[in-house]
Amino acid sequence: MTRSLSIVIPAYDEEKRLSGTLERITGYLKSEDWKFSEVIVVDDGSRDGTVRVAEEFRARMPSVRVLRNPENRGKGYSVRRGMMEAKGEWTLFSDADLSTPIEELEKLWTAAQEARAQVAIGSRALDRSLIGVHQPLFRESAGKVFNLTVRVITGLPFWDTQCGFKLFEIATDPPGFTVDEPVNELGKHLKLPAWLELQRASIEEILPKLKLK
């Protein structure tokens, strides 16, 4: 597997923390052995200074690209747009708050490589002590209820379908691919180190089962 990576960050009103997030991600990428790497910030019609912060960072860091949605289109649209624009052979999408530490990327990459998987999904349910940024108690509780509901309705074995830390081989993002639930149908659950719920299946096997938008 070529160490060629694009990191997509959907951003909506992230002026206050985006600069720190970009500093941490670009610093991490510099310290690792990537043949190619880039960071794509997709602004989703932010009302604050998110675009300004991103553009200022891009001006001094050529590996950062900034895409702007004409209006607020939602996280799914933003992630898909970033992935369609990505130049790397692999694409990671990460939430702007880095609730999953970017340093966990190497575990995701190694697991996908060893399993010859096309998709690897981060999971906060496997070791919650590793969560870098916790959501308010109500949101975390609501998330647990939602994930349990998804498991019951779909029969999927994944404990954390909503984790904003997913790694794709770029060819596995078909037109209309949605972000969270269909992604989690891409394979079988393997017990791996913290943060990992690895998806192992070919897109050709799974695509007929997905509801595409």
Protein backbone atom coordinates (compact mmCIF):
# COMPACT_ATOMS: atom_id res chain seq x y z
CA MET A 1 0.00 0.00 0.00
CA THR A 2 1.40 3.38 -1.05
CA ARG A 3 1.60 5.85 1.83
CA SER A 4 -0.38 8.47 -0.07
CA LEU A 5 -2.97 10.29 2.04
CA SER A 6 -5.55 13.05 1.91
CA ILE A 7 -7.19 14.18 5.15
CA VAL A 8 -10.65 15.72 4.76
CA ILE A 9 -11.95 18.02 7.51
CA PRO A 10 -15.57 19.18 7.22
CA ALA A 11 -15.86 22.50 9.02
CA TYR A 12 -18.86 24.56 10.08
CA ASP A 13 -18.28 27.54 12.41
CA GLU A 14 -14.90 26.19 13.52
CA GLU A 15 -13.03 29.50 13.70
CA LYS A 16 -11.90 29.04 17.30
CA ARG A 17 -10.31 25.60 17.03
CA LEU A 18 -9.47 25.11 13.35
CA SER A 19 -6.03 26.70 13.55
CA GLY A 20 -4.96 24.42 16.40
CA THR A 21 -6.35 21.40 14.57
CA LEU A 22 -4.44 22.22 11.38
CA GLU A 23 -1.23 22.84 13.33
CA ARG A 24 -1.51 19.46 15.00
CA ILE A 25 -2.38 17.55 11.82
CA THR A 26 0.30 19.12 9.62
CA GLY A 27 2.86 18.69 12.39
CA TYR A 28 1.96 15.02 12.64
CA LEU A 29 2.18 14.49 8.88
CA LYS A 30 5.63 16.10 8.79
CA SER A 31 6.86 13.67 11.43
CA GLU A 32 5.62 10.58 9.56
CA ASP A 33 6.83 8.89 6.40
CA TRP A 34 4.13 9.75 3.85
CA LYS A 35 5.02 9.72 0.16
CA PHE A 36 2.22 12.23 -0.41
CA SER A 37 -0.05 14.05 2.01
CA GLU A 38 -2.53 16.89 1.93
CA VAL A 39 -5.22 18.36 4.17
CA ILE A 40 -8.54 19.46 2.66
CA VAL A 41 -10.74 21.78 4.71
CA VAL A 42 -14.32 21.85 3.42
CA ASP A 43 -16.14 24.90 4.74
CA ASP A 44 -19.86 24.22 4.94
CA GLY A 45 -21.19 27.77 4.71
CA SER A 46 -19.74 28.91 8.03
CA ARG A 47 -21.06 32.15 9.54
CA ASP A 48 -17.87 32.98 11.42
CA GLY A 49 -14.21 33.33 10.40
CA THR A 50 -13.62 29.66 9.54
CA VAL A 51 -12.70 30.42 5.92
CA ARG A 52 -10.35 33.22 6.92
CA VAL A 53 -8.51 30.96 9.37
CA ALA A 54 -8.26 28.17 6.81
CA GLU A 55 -7.03 30.49 4.04
CA GLU A 56 -4.43 32.09 6.32
CA PHE A 57 -3.11 28.63 7.15
CA ARG A 58 -3.13 27.61 3.47
CA ALA A 59 -1.05 30.68 2.59
CA ARG A 60 1.85 29.37 4.66
CA MET A 61 1.24 25.65 4.24
CA PRO A 62 0.82 24.63 0.56
CA SER A 63 -0.29 21.11 1.52
CA VAL A 64 -3.54 22.57 2.88
CA ARG A 65 -6.43 23.15 0.48
CA VAL A 66 -9.68 25.00 1.19
CA LEU A 67 -13.02 24.20 -0.48
CA ARG A 68 -16.12 26.30 0.12
CA ASN A 69 -19.70 25.10 -0.15
CA PRO A 70 -21.99 27.84 -1.51
CA GLU A 71 -24.30 27.26 1.45
CA ASN A 72 -24.70 24.96 4.44
CA ARG A 73 -25.16 21.50 2.89
CA GLY A 74 -24.37 19.27 5.87
CA LYS A 75 -21.52 17.06 6.98
CA GLY A 76 -22.25 14.21 4.55
CA TYR A 77 -22.12 16.51 1.52
CA SER A 78 -18.93 18.16 2.79
CA VAL A 79 -17.12 14.89 3.42
CA ARG A 80 -18.13 13.49 0.05
CA ARG A 81 -17.01 16.67 -1.74
CA GLY A 82 -13.65 16.56 0.00
CA MET A 83 -13.19 12.90 -0.90
CA MET A 84 -14.07 13.55 -4.54
CA GLU A 85 -11.41 16.29 -4.64
CA ALA A 86 -8.75 14.25 -2.81
CA LYS A 87 -5.51 13.46 -4.63
CA GLY A 88 -4.19 10.82 -2.23
CA GLU A 89 -4.68 7.10 -2.79
CA TRP A 90 -6.19 6.90 0.70
CA THR A 91 -8.48 9.40 2.38
CA LEU A 92 -9.12 9.95 6.07
CA PHE A 93 -11.95 12.12 7.23
CA SER A 94 -11.62 13.60 10.67
CA ASP A 95 -13.82 15.91 12.71
CA ALA A 96 -12.46 19.41 13.23
CA ASP A 97 -12.38 18.99 17.00
CA LEU A 98 -9.95 16.05 16.75
CA SER A 99 -12.04 14.10 19.26
CA THR A 100 -10.07 11.17 17.86
CA PRO A 101 -6.38 12.10 18.17
CA ILE A 102 -4.73 12.33 14.76
CA GLU A 103 -1.88 10.22 16.16
CA GLU A 104 -4.26 7.23 16.06
CA LEU A 105 -4.08 7.30 12.26
CA GLU A 106 -1.10 4.97 12.18
CA LYS A 107 -3.11 2.26 13.97
CA LEU A 108 -5.90 2.62 11.43
CA TRP A 109 -3.43 2.49 8.54
CA THR A 110 -1.55 -0.52 9.89
CA ALA A 111 -4.75 -2.47 10.56
CA ALA A 112 -6.08 -1.80 7.06
CA GLN A 113 -2.76 -2.81 5.56
CA GLU A 114 -2.49 -6.06 7.52
CA ALA A 115 -6.10 -7.04 6.76
CA ARG A 116 -5.97 -5.85 3.14
CA ALA A 117 -9.07 -3.83 3.90
CA GLN A 118 -10.48 -0.95 1.88
CA VAL A 119 -12.09 0.79 4.84
CA ALA A 120 -11.17 1.17 8.51
CA ILE A 121 -13.50 2.90 10.99
CA GLY A 122 -12.45 4.47 14.26
CA SER A 123 -14.43 3.50 17.37
CA ARG A 124 -14.66 5.39 20.63
CA ALA A 125 -16.56 2.46 22.14
CA LEU A 126 -13.50 0.21 22.40
CA ASP A 127 -11.46 2.35 24.80
CA ARG A 128 -13.14 5.60 25.83
CA SER A 129 -10.09 6.68 27.86
CA LEU A 130 -8.43 7.57 24.53
CA ILE A 131 -11.03 10.18 23.58
CA GLY A 132 -9.25 13.51 23.21
CA VAL A 133 -12.32 15.76 23.36
CA HIS A 134 -15.50 14.61 25.07
CA GLN A 135 -18.91 15.86 23.97
CA PRO A 136 -21.37 17.23 26.56
CA LEU A 137 -22.93 14.44 28.64
CA PHE A 138 -26.32 14.79 26.93
CA ARG A 139 -24.78 14.43 23.45
CA GLU A 140 -22.68 11.44 24.47
CA SER A 141 -25.74 9.75 26.01
CA ALA A 142 -27.86 10.52 22.94
CA GLY A 143 -25.11 9.12 20.74
CA LYS A 144 -25.06 5.85 22.66
CA VAL A 145 -28.83 5.52 22.30
CA PHE A 146 -28.61 6.27 18.58
CA ASN A 147 -25.84 3.73 18.01
CA LEU A 148 -27.78 1.07 19.91
CA THR A 149 -30.84 1.83 17.77
CA VAL A 150 -28.77 1.48 14.60
CA ARG A 151 -27.43 -1.89 15.79
CA VAL A 152 -30.91 -3.18 16.58
CA ILE A 153 -32.51 -1.98 13.34
CA THR A 154 -29.72 -2.90 10.93
CA GLY A 155 -28.15 -5.86 12.69
CA LEU A 156 -24.72 -4.29 12.21
CA PRO A 157 -22.12 -5.27 14.82
CA PHE A 158 -20.38 -1.88 15.08
CA TRP A 159 -20.56 -0.11 18.43
CA ASP A 160 -19.67 3.35 17.16
CA THR A 161 -21.13 4.18 13.76
CA GLN A 162 -20.80 7.95 14.27
CA CYS A 163 -17.10 8.27 15.02
CA GLY A 164 -15.63 10.99 12.80
CA PHE A 165 -12.45 9.07 11.99
CA LYS A 166 -12.73 6.84 8.93
CA LEU A 167 -10.05 5.75 6.47
CA PHE A 168 -10.91 4.82 2.88
CA GLU A 169 -9.04 3.58 -0.12
CA ILE A 170 -10.15 6.35 -2.44
CA ALA A 171 -11.68 4.00 -5.02
CA THR A 172 -14.23 2.82 -2.41
CA ASP A 173 -16.16 6.11 -2.40
CA PRO A 174 -18.81 5.57 -5.11
CA PRO A 175 -21.01 8.40 -6.41
CA GLY A 176 -23.68 9.32 -3.87
CA PHE A 177 -21.95 7.54 -1.00
CA THR A 178 -23.33 8.71 2.34
CA VAL A 179 -21.13 9.18 5.34
CA ASP A 180 -22.07 7.22 8.42
CA GLU A 181 -24.55 4.36 8.30
CA PRO A 182 -23.90 2.88 4.81
CA VAL A 183 -20.15 3.10 5.46
CA ASN A 184 -20.60 0.79 8.39
CA GLU A 185 -22.08 -1.94 6.19
CA LEU A 186 -18.72 -2.37 4.45
CA GLY A 187 -17.60 -5.58 6.04
CA LYS A 188 -17.10 -7.76 9.06
CA HIS A 189 -16.16 -6.67 12.55
CA LEU A 190 -12.68 -7.68 13.68
CA LYS A 191 -11.47 -7.24 17.26
CA LEU A 192 -8.56 -4.83 16.99
CA PRO A 193 -6.78 -2.28 19.23
CA ALA A 194 -8.59 0.75 20.59
CA TRP A 195 -10.29 3.02 18.05
CA LEU A 196 -10.53 0.36 15.35
CA GLU A 197 -13.56 -1.31 13.87
CA LEU A 198 -12.11 -2.59 10.62
CA GLN A 199 -14.32 -3.12 7.61
CA ARG A 200 -13.22 -5.97 5.36
CA ALA A 201 -15.15 -6.50 2.15
CA SER A 202 -14.99 -5.42 -1.45
CA ILE A 203 -17.18 -2.56 -2.58
CA GLU A 204 -18.52 -4.81 -5.35
CA GLU A 205 -19.90 -7.24 -2.75
CA ILE A 206 -21.52 -4.58 -0.60
CA LEU A 207 -22.70 -1.90 -3.03
CA PRO A 208 -26.01 -3.63 -3.98
CA LYS A 209 -26.99 -3.61 -0.29
CA LEU A 210 -26.51 0.13 0.17
CA LYS A 211 -29.12 2.81 -0.19
CA LEU A 212 -27.41 5.54 -2.15
CA LYS A 213 -28.56 9.13 -2.30
